[in-house]
Structures are given as structure tokens and as C-alpha cells.
Amino acid sequence: MSAVQRISIAALALLALGAASASAGELPQYEVMGFPISPLQTSVLGSDGIQEESRTPVLTLHGMPASPHQIAVISPRTKQQVAHRLKTDASQHAND
């Protein structure tokens, strides 16, 4: 077998391997209760409640995609919630 044939075979093999890896695209992403989770976190926490992350957002607020944390932060507060928070913060500072 000549050197040219070996080089062409090696080039074709590399091209085939490159095409196979390119077709895989992105690795799947996973989530727990709407929050993204890494493979390391999955191995530490176990697989209970883990599901593949959907490509389209499940939670929306006024037609825009939002995470559970964003919805909690953006949602309007009632006067009672604000007063309770101020009271709780004041009592914690008094105990310090």
C-alpha cells in the first residue's frame, strides 16, 4: 500500500468521524423542578425528579419565557407581603 493511499484512507476516516460528531449537535440538558442541572449535580443528587429540559419554555409571564425565580421576583407584592417582610427583617436585626 502506498503512502498516498494510507494518507487518503486516514483523511477519509477523520472526515467520517468528524461528520458523526457534528451530527450529534448539542448534548441534552436536564432540569429538576424547572431549574437546570449539570451532569455532576445529577451524579451527586441522584436521578429522582430529573427530566430532559424542554426546548420550548414551559413557564411564561405575560407571554415571555421566565424561570420560576424570575416569576417570583417579577410578580407584584401585596402590601401585606411587604409589611410581613419588613417586620421579619426588623425582628432579625433586633436579635443580632
C-alpha atoms as a PDB file:
ATOM      1  CA  MET A   1       0.000   0.000   0.000  1.00  0.00           C
ATOM      2  CA  SER A   2       1.494   3.343  -0.984  1.00  0.00           C
ATOM      3  CA  ALA A   3       1.842   6.394   1.246  1.00  0.00           C
ATOM      4  CA  VAL A   4      -0.759   8.288  -0.800  1.00  0.00           C
ATOM      5  CA  GLN A   5      -3.333   5.542  -0.233  1.00  0.00           C
ATOM      6  CA  ARG A   6      -2.627   5.499   3.519  1.00  0.00           C
ATOM      7  CA  ILE A   7      -2.986   9.267   3.762  1.00  0.00           C
ATOM      8  CA  SER A   8      -6.243   9.245   1.783  1.00  0.00           C
ATOM      9  CA  ILE A   9      -7.665   6.431   3.941  1.00  0.00           C
ATOM     10  CA  ALA A  10      -6.687   8.306   7.105  1.00  0.00           C
ATOM     11  CA  ALA A  11      -8.230  11.519   5.750  1.00  0.00           C
ATOM     12  CA  LEU A  12     -11.483   9.741   4.900  1.00  0.00           C
ATOM     13  CA  ALA A  13     -11.596   8.152   8.351  1.00  0.00           C
ATOM     14  CA  LEU A  14     -11.112  11.538  10.023  1.00  0.00           C
ATOM     15  CA  LEU A  15     -13.765  13.081   7.793  1.00  0.00           C
ATOM     16  CA  ALA A  16     -16.236  10.321   8.678  1.00  0.00           C
ATOM     17  CA  LEU A  17     -15.549  10.700  12.404  1.00  0.00           C
ATOM     18  CA  GLY A  18     -15.928  14.471  12.163  1.00  0.00           C
ATOM     19  CA  ALA A  19     -19.257  14.142  10.377  1.00  0.00           C
ATOM     20  CA  ALA A  20     -20.540  11.709  13.006  1.00  0.00           C
ATOM     21  CA  SER A  21     -19.677  14.045  15.873  1.00  0.00           C
ATOM     22  CA  ALA A  22     -21.070  17.074  14.064  1.00  0.00           C
ATOM     23  CA  SER A  23     -24.444  15.406  13.579  1.00  0.00           C
ATOM     24  CA  ALA A  24     -24.808  14.814  17.331  1.00  0.00           C
ATOM     25  CA  GLY A  25     -25.333  18.527  17.886  1.00  0.00           C
ATOM     26  CA  GLU A  26     -25.870  19.675  21.450  1.00  0.00           C
ATOM     27  CA  LEU A  27     -25.893  17.307  24.358  1.00  0.00           C
ATOM     28  CA  PRO A  28     -29.258  17.075  26.096  1.00  0.00           C
ATOM     29  CA  GLN A  29     -29.805  19.411  29.023  1.00  0.00           C
ATOM     30  CA  TYR A  30     -31.612  18.265  32.157  1.00  0.00           C
ATOM     31  CA  GLU A  31     -33.656  20.017  34.817  1.00  0.00           C
ATOM     32  CA  VAL A  32     -35.132  19.463  38.254  1.00  0.00           C
ATOM     33  CA  MET A  33     -38.327  21.356  39.110  1.00  0.00           C
ATOM     34  CA  GLY A  34     -37.678  23.815  36.267  1.00  0.00           C
ATOM     35  CA  PHE A  35     -34.058  24.570  37.223  1.00  0.00           C
ATOM     36  CA  PRO A  36     -31.169  23.417  35.031  1.00  0.00           C
ATOM     37  CA  ILE A  37     -28.875  20.743  36.472  1.00  0.00           C
ATOM     38  CA  SER A  38     -25.378  19.727  35.371  1.00  0.00           C
ATOM     39  CA  PRO A  39     -24.205  16.131  34.874  1.00  0.00           C
ATOM     40  CA  LEU A  40     -22.076  16.441  38.026  1.00  0.00           C
ATOM     41  CA  GLN A  41     -25.066  17.594  40.076  1.00  0.00           C
ATOM     42  CA  THR A  42     -27.065  14.707  38.645  1.00  0.00           C
ATOM     43  CA  SER A  43     -24.434  12.195  39.756  1.00  0.00           C
ATOM     44  CA  VAL A  44     -24.328  13.706  43.258  1.00  0.00           C
ATOM     45  CA  LEU A  45     -28.078  14.180  43.787  1.00  0.00           C
ATOM     46  CA  GLY A  46     -29.273  11.036  42.027  1.00  0.00           C
ATOM     47  CA  SER A  47     -31.810  10.818  39.249  1.00  0.00           C
ATOM     48  CA  ASP A  48     -35.047  11.389  41.192  1.00  0.00           C
ATOM     49  CA  GLY A  49     -37.206  14.034  39.536  1.00  0.00           C
ATOM     50  CA  ILE A  50     -34.725  14.780  36.750  1.00  0.00           C
ATOM     51  CA  GLN A  51     -36.136  15.223  33.280  1.00  0.00           C
ATOM     52  CA  GLU A  52     -34.799  16.399  29.947  1.00  0.00           C
ATOM     53  CA  GLU A  53     -35.109  20.136  29.542  1.00  0.00           C
ATOM     54  CA  SER A  54     -37.744  21.118  27.008  1.00  0.00           C
ATOM     55  CA  ARG A  55     -36.659  23.192  24.039  1.00  0.00           C
ATOM     56  CA  THR A  56     -39.643  25.498  24.382  1.00  0.00           C
ATOM     57  CA  PRO A  57     -40.134  27.377  27.644  1.00  0.00           C
ATOM     58  CA  VAL A  58     -42.823  25.867  29.840  1.00  0.00           C
ATOM     59  CA  LEU A  59     -43.239  28.811  32.214  1.00  0.00           C
ATOM     60  CA  THR A  60     -44.201  32.193  30.835  1.00  0.00           C
ATOM     61  CA  LEU A  61     -45.096  35.528  32.329  1.00  0.00           C
ATOM     62  CA  HIS A  62     -47.083  37.912  30.108  1.00  0.00           C
ATOM     63  CA  GLY A  63     -46.163  35.821  27.056  1.00  0.00           C
ATOM     64  CA  MET A  64     -42.405  35.900  27.744  1.00  0.00           C
ATOM     65  CA  PRO A  65     -40.385  32.841  28.850  1.00  0.00           C
ATOM     66  CA  ALA A  66     -39.362  33.028  32.507  1.00  0.00           C
ATOM     67  CA  SER A  67     -37.782  30.782  35.117  1.00  0.00           C
ATOM     68  CA  PRO A  68     -39.537  30.112  38.434  1.00  0.00           C
ATOM     69  CA  HIS A  69     -37.112  32.503  40.136  1.00  0.00           C
ATOM     70  CA  GLN A  70     -37.793  35.269  37.602  1.00  0.00           C
ATOM     71  CA  ILE A  71     -41.537  34.863  38.073  1.00  0.00           C
ATOM     72  CA  ALA A  72     -41.135  35.069  41.862  1.00  0.00           C
ATOM     73  CA  VAL A  73     -39.028  38.236  41.599  1.00  0.00           C
ATOM     74  CA  ILE A  74     -41.127  39.982  38.951  1.00  0.00           C
ATOM     75  CA  SER A  75     -44.546  39.169  40.425  1.00  0.00           C
ATOM     76  CA  PRO A  76     -46.224  42.073  42.210  1.00  0.00           C
ATOM     77  CA  ARG A  77     -46.268  42.037  46.001  1.00  0.00           C
ATOM     78  CA  THR A  78     -49.235  42.852  48.183  1.00  0.00           C
ATOM     79  CA  LYS A  79     -48.929  45.392  50.992  1.00  0.00           C
ATOM     80  CA  GLN A  80     -49.331  42.549  53.473  1.00  0.00           C
ATOM     81  CA  GLN A  81     -46.353  40.652  51.999  1.00  0.00           C
ATOM     82  CA  VAL A  82     -44.174  43.775  52.129  1.00  0.00           C
ATOM     83  CA  ALA A  83     -45.209  44.556  55.713  1.00  0.00           C
ATOM     84  CA  HIS A  84     -44.532  40.955  56.795  1.00  0.00           C
ATOM     85  CA  ARG A  85     -41.087  41.055  55.180  1.00  0.00           C
ATOM     86  CA  LEU A  86     -40.205  44.352  56.856  1.00  0.00           C
ATOM     87  CA  LYS A  87     -41.423  43.025  60.210  1.00  0.00           C
ATOM     88  CA  THR A  88     -39.386  39.810  59.805  1.00  0.00           C
ATOM     89  CA  ASP A  89     -36.240  41.714  58.817  1.00  0.00           C
ATOM     90  CA  ALA A  90     -36.637  44.142  61.726  1.00  0.00           C
ATOM     91  CA  SER A  91     -37.040  41.319  64.253  1.00  0.00           C
ATOM     92  CA  GLN A  92     -33.957  39.525  62.893  1.00  0.00           C
ATOM     93  CA  HIS A  93     -31.855  42.699  63.182  1.00  0.00           C
ATOM     94  CA  ALA A  94     -33.081  43.252  66.742  1.00  0.00           C
ATOM     95  CA  ASN A  95     -31.895  39.735  67.710  1.00  0.00           C
ATOM     96  CA  ASP A  96     -28.395  40.348  66.299  1.00  0.00           C
END
